[in-house]
């Protein structure tokens, strides 16, 4: 995929016997401060967990690797990048808000995201559980991404636009709450990146295994 923002190429991700590769690398990791992570492009409607008592789609429908867990989560009605690992230390380091790992989202909003709207996001939005940390926000062209199933429901005669929003915390449904409070409700939400890891090259439901990631790598901390 091109390194430019706003375009996802649906290339095939090659994972030759990923189950065996992951198991092997976990065993060899005992003597070194490295870890393995799985990048996964979560489709709309899939739960960010491996089991469900109501028969809904879960990660188990796409990932067959034992003892691996999500680093953070995405709501069922959100799409995009999930990180998974079997390394608890790595998981804590990425998920802990004190480390301020930036997560970037492509957000389709209802209405016109004017300068006032963007500045509210940048300054921090007052939510019921407190003010959010300052974010990075800008208007972008509609990204070249897959169509959503089911399609987004639009209101007739109400414009919609895309923004790129980066935050370094992870409250429940935070992005949706922020955009709604600032005046433009979210219609579609895609997480593009977590720190330096991105969706590049991953179509919905595809994964990519990364091995021998150093915990001290600066990409895991900012």
Protein backbone atom coordinates (compact mmCIF):
# COMPACT_ATOMS: atom_id res chain seq x y z
CA UNK A 1 0.00 0.00 0.00
CA UNK A 2 1.01 3.57 -0.57
CA UNK A 3 2.25 5.33 2.54
CA UNK A 4 -0.09 8.27 1.90
CA UNK A 5 -3.05 8.68 4.22
CA UNK A 6 -6.57 8.10 2.97
CA UNK A 7 -6.08 5.08 0.72
CA UNK A 8 -6.23 1.38 1.55
CA UNK A 9 -5.19 -1.13 -1.10
CA UNK A 10 -6.90 -4.48 -0.64
CA UNK A 11 -3.80 -6.59 -1.14
CA UNK A 12 -3.67 -10.18 0.06
CA UNK A 13 -1.89 -10.64 3.37
CA UNK A 14 0.34 -13.72 3.32
CA UNK A 15 0.19 -15.71 6.55
CA UNK A 16 1.71 -19.13 6.00
CA UNK A 17 0.62 -21.31 8.93
CA UNK A 18 0.36 -18.33 11.26
CA UNK A 19 -0.70 -20.56 14.14
CA UNK A 20 2.58 -22.52 14.01
CA UNK A 21 4.68 -19.40 13.50
CA UNK A 22 3.13 -17.70 16.52
CA UNK A 23 3.55 -20.76 18.75
CA UNK A 24 7.20 -21.14 17.74
CA UNK A 25 8.04 -17.48 18.32
CA UNK A 26 6.36 -17.47 21.74
CA UNK A 27 8.56 -20.32 22.89
CA UNK A 28 11.76 -18.64 21.68
CA UNK A 29 10.83 -15.32 23.28
CA UNK A 30 11.51 -16.55 26.83
CA UNK A 31 15.15 -15.43 26.71
CA UNK A 32 14.72 -12.05 25.01
CA UNK A 33 12.74 -8.82 25.57
CA UNK A 34 10.72 -9.14 22.36
CA UNK A 35 7.13 -9.89 21.55
CA UNK A 36 4.86 -10.83 18.66
CA UNK A 37 1.74 -8.93 17.66
CA UNK A 38 -1.08 -9.56 15.24
CA UNK A 39 -2.58 -6.69 13.26
CA UNK A 40 -6.24 -7.30 12.40
CA UNK A 41 -8.68 -5.23 10.38
CA UNK A 42 -11.93 -5.72 12.31
CA UNK A 43 -15.01 -5.64 10.10
CA UNK A 44 -18.20 -3.83 11.07
CA UNK A 45 -20.45 -5.97 13.27
CA UNK A 46 -17.69 -8.14 14.74
CA UNK A 47 -17.17 -8.17 18.51
CA UNK A 48 -13.66 -7.46 19.84
CA UNK A 49 -13.70 -10.74 21.79
CA UNK A 50 -13.45 -14.44 21.06
CA UNK A 51 -16.73 -15.70 22.53
CA UNK A 52 -20.35 -14.58 22.56
CA UNK A 53 -23.43 -16.18 24.08
CA UNK A 54 -25.73 -14.59 21.52
CA UNK A 55 -24.18 -16.12 18.41
CA UNK A 56 -22.78 -12.88 16.99
CA UNK A 57 -19.56 -12.77 14.95
CA UNK A 58 -16.42 -12.63 17.07
CA UNK A 59 -12.66 -12.64 16.54
CA UNK A 60 -12.79 -16.45 16.64
CA UNK A 61 -14.44 -16.37 13.21
CA UNK A 62 -11.24 -14.85 11.79
CA UNK A 63 -8.34 -15.73 14.11
CA UNK A 64 -7.29 -19.24 15.15
CA UNK A 65 -4.38 -18.57 17.50
CA UNK A 66 -4.42 -19.71 21.15
CA UNK A 67 -3.58 -17.48 24.12
CA UNK A 68 -3.79 -14.20 22.25
CA UNK A 69 -5.71 -11.17 23.49
CA UNK A 70 -6.77 -7.77 22.21
CA UNK A 71 -4.84 -4.65 23.15
CA UNK A 72 -7.75 -2.31 23.79
CA UNK A 73 -10.93 -2.80 21.81
CA UNK A 74 -13.23 -1.47 19.09
CA UNK A 75 -16.99 -1.27 19.46
CA UNK A 76 -19.06 -3.66 17.39
CA UNK A 77 -20.23 -0.81 15.14
CA UNK A 78 -16.67 0.44 14.56
CA UNK A 79 -14.13 -0.88 12.06
CA UNK A 80 -10.41 -0.98 11.61
CA UNK A 81 -7.18 -1.80 13.35
CA UNK A 82 -6.96 -4.08 16.36
CA UNK A 83 -3.69 -5.22 17.93
CA UNK A 84 -3.54 -8.66 19.56
CA UNK A 85 -0.75 -10.25 21.54
CA UNK A 86 -0.04 -12.95 24.09
CA UNK A 87 2.42 -10.72 25.94
CA UNK A 88 0.82 -9.10 28.99
CA UNK A 89 3.60 -6.56 29.47
CA UNK A 90 3.31 -5.34 25.91
CA UNK A 91 -0.48 -5.20 26.19
CA UNK A 92 -0.26 -3.05 29.31
CA UNK A 93 2.33 -0.75 27.78
CA UNK A 94 0.16 0.01 24.74
CA UNK A 95 -3.20 0.17 26.54
CA UNK A 96 -2.12 2.18 29.60
CA UNK A 97 -3.18 5.83 29.01
CA UNK A 98 -0.19 7.10 30.99
CA UNK A 99 2.02 6.08 28.05
CA UNK A 100 -0.01 8.33 25.69
CA UNK A 101 0.03 6.06 22.65
CA UNK A 102 -1.67 7.87 19.78
CA UNK A 103 -4.55 6.22 17.92
CA UNK A 104 -5.77 7.71 14.64
CA UNK A 105 -9.31 7.37 13.30
CA UNK A 106 -10.98 8.18 10.01
CA UNK A 107 -14.39 9.49 10.99
CA UNK A 108 -17.34 10.20 8.72
CA UNK A 109 -19.46 12.83 10.43
CA UNK A 110 -22.88 14.28 9.81
CA UNK A 111 -22.84 18.01 9.19
CA UNK A 112 -20.00 20.39 8.34
CA UNK A 113 -16.86 20.16 10.52
CA UNK A 114 -15.95 23.84 10.58
CA UNK A 115 -13.02 25.49 12.37
CA UNK A 116 -14.96 25.75 15.64
CA UNK A 117 -15.78 22.03 15.58
CA UNK A 118 -12.15 21.07 14.94
CA UNK A 119 -10.87 23.43 17.62
CA UNK A 120 -13.18 21.90 20.22
CA UNK A 121 -11.65 18.50 19.48
CA UNK A 122 -8.13 19.93 19.63
CA UNK A 123 -8.75 21.69 22.93
CA UNK A 124 -10.55 18.79 24.58
CA UNK A 125 -14.28 18.13 24.84
CA UNK A 126 -16.15 18.18 28.14
CA UNK A 127 -17.87 14.80 28.50
CA UNK A 128 -19.89 13.43 31.41
CA UNK A 129 -16.80 11.66 32.79
CA UNK A 130 -14.52 14.67 32.37
CA UNK A 131 -12.72 16.64 29.71
CA UNK A 132 -10.84 14.72 27.05
CA UNK A 133 -7.16 15.26 26.43
CA UNK A 134 -6.25 17.59 23.54
CA UNK A 135 -6.57 15.78 20.21
CA UNK A 136 -5.29 16.22 16.69
CA UNK A 137 -8.05 16.88 14.17
CA UNK A 138 -8.31 17.88 10.52
CA UNK A 139 -10.71 17.55 7.60
CA UNK A 140 -9.66 14.99 4.96
CA UNK A 141 -10.97 13.83 1.61
CA UNK A 142 -13.10 10.71 1.72
CA UNK A 143 -10.63 7.82 2.14
CA UNK A 144 -10.52 5.09 -0.48
CA UNK A 145 -11.83 2.31 1.73
CA UNK A 146 -14.13 -0.68 1.42
CA UNK A 147 -17.93 -0.16 1.38
CA UNK A 148 -19.57 -0.82 4.70
CA UNK A 149 -22.09 -3.62 5.16
CA UNK A 150 -24.73 -2.58 6.03
CA UNK A 151 -24.40 0.83 4.35
CA UNK A 152 -24.29 4.01 6.41
CA UNK A 153 -27.70 5.64 6.81
CA UNK A 154 -27.69 9.28 5.73
CA UNK A 155 -30.25 11.96 6.38
CA UNK A 156 -31.57 13.59 3.24
CA UNK A 157 -30.28 17.12 2.63
CA UNK A 158 -27.74 16.88 5.48
CA UNK A 159 -24.10 16.99 4.32
CA UNK A 160 -21.44 14.59 5.53
CA UNK A 161 -17.65 14.90 5.63
CA UNK A 162 -14.59 12.95 6.77
CA UNK A 163 -12.13 13.99 9.44
CA UNK A 164 -8.94 12.45 10.76
CA UNK A 165 -8.89 12.40 14.55
CA UNK A 166 -5.98 11.29 16.74
CA UNK A 167 -6.36 10.73 20.48
CA UNK A 168 -4.06 9.36 23.19
CA UNK A 169 -6.66 7.92 25.54
CA UNK A 170 -9.41 5.35 25.18
CA UNK A 171 -12.65 6.02 27.01
CA UNK A 172 -15.80 4.11 26.14
CA UNK A 173 -17.12 5.26 22.72
CA UNK A 174 -14.93 8.34 23.09
CA UNK A 175 -14.66 9.40 19.44
CA UNK A 176 -18.43 9.20 18.90
CA UNK A 177 -19.09 11.14 22.08
CA UNK A 178 -16.53 13.79 21.19
CA UNK A 179 -17.84 14.48 17.69
CA UNK A 180 -21.47 14.51 18.86
CA UNK A 181 -20.72 16.95 21.69
CA UNK A 182 -18.79 19.21 19.30
CA UNK A 183 -21.75 19.30 16.91
CA UNK A 184 -21.20 16.62 14.22
CA UNK A 185 -22.38 13.09 15.09
CA UNK A 186 -20.33 10.15 13.83
CA UNK A 187 -21.78 8.13 10.96
CA UNK A 188 -18.85 5.77 10.36
CA UNK A 189 -15.72 5.12 12.39
CA UNK A 190 -12.54 3.40 11.15
CA UNK A 191 -9.40 3.14 13.26
CA UNK A 192 -6.50 3.64 10.88
CA UNK A 193 -3.53 3.34 13.21
CA UNK A 194 -2.24 2.63 16.70
CA UNK A 195 1.07 4.39 17.12
CA UNK A 196 3.17 3.39 14.07
CA UNK A 197 1.06 0.34 13.13
CA UNK A 198 -1.55 0.92 10.43
CA UNK A 199 -4.24 -0.73 8.32
CA UNK A 200 -2.02 -0.51 5.24
CA UNK A 201 -2.48 -3.60 3.09
CA UNK A 202 -5.24 -5.14 5.22
CA UNK A 203 -8.75 -5.64 3.87
CA UNK A 204 -11.58 -6.26 6.37
CA UNK A 205 -11.07 -9.60 8.12
CA UNK A 206 -7.38 -9.86 7.17
CA UNK A 207 -4.48 -10.17 9.62
CA UNK A 208 -0.73 -9.73 9.61
CA UNK A 209 1.65 -11.29 12.12
CA UNK A 210 4.66 -9.23 13.22
CA UNK A 211 7.37 -11.10 15.13
CA UNK A 212 10.31 -10.07 17.29
CA UNK A 213 8.98 -6.62 18.19
CA UNK A 214 11.25 -5.05 20.80
CA UNK A 215 9.41 -3.74 23.85
CA UNK A 216 11.89 -0.87 24.03
CA UNK A 217 11.15 0.17 20.44
CA UNK A 218 10.22 3.86 20.40
CA UNK A 219 7.19 3.07 18.26
CA UNK A 220 5.49 1.66 21.38
CA UNK A 221 6.01 4.83 23.37
CA UNK A 222 5.63 8.55 22.67
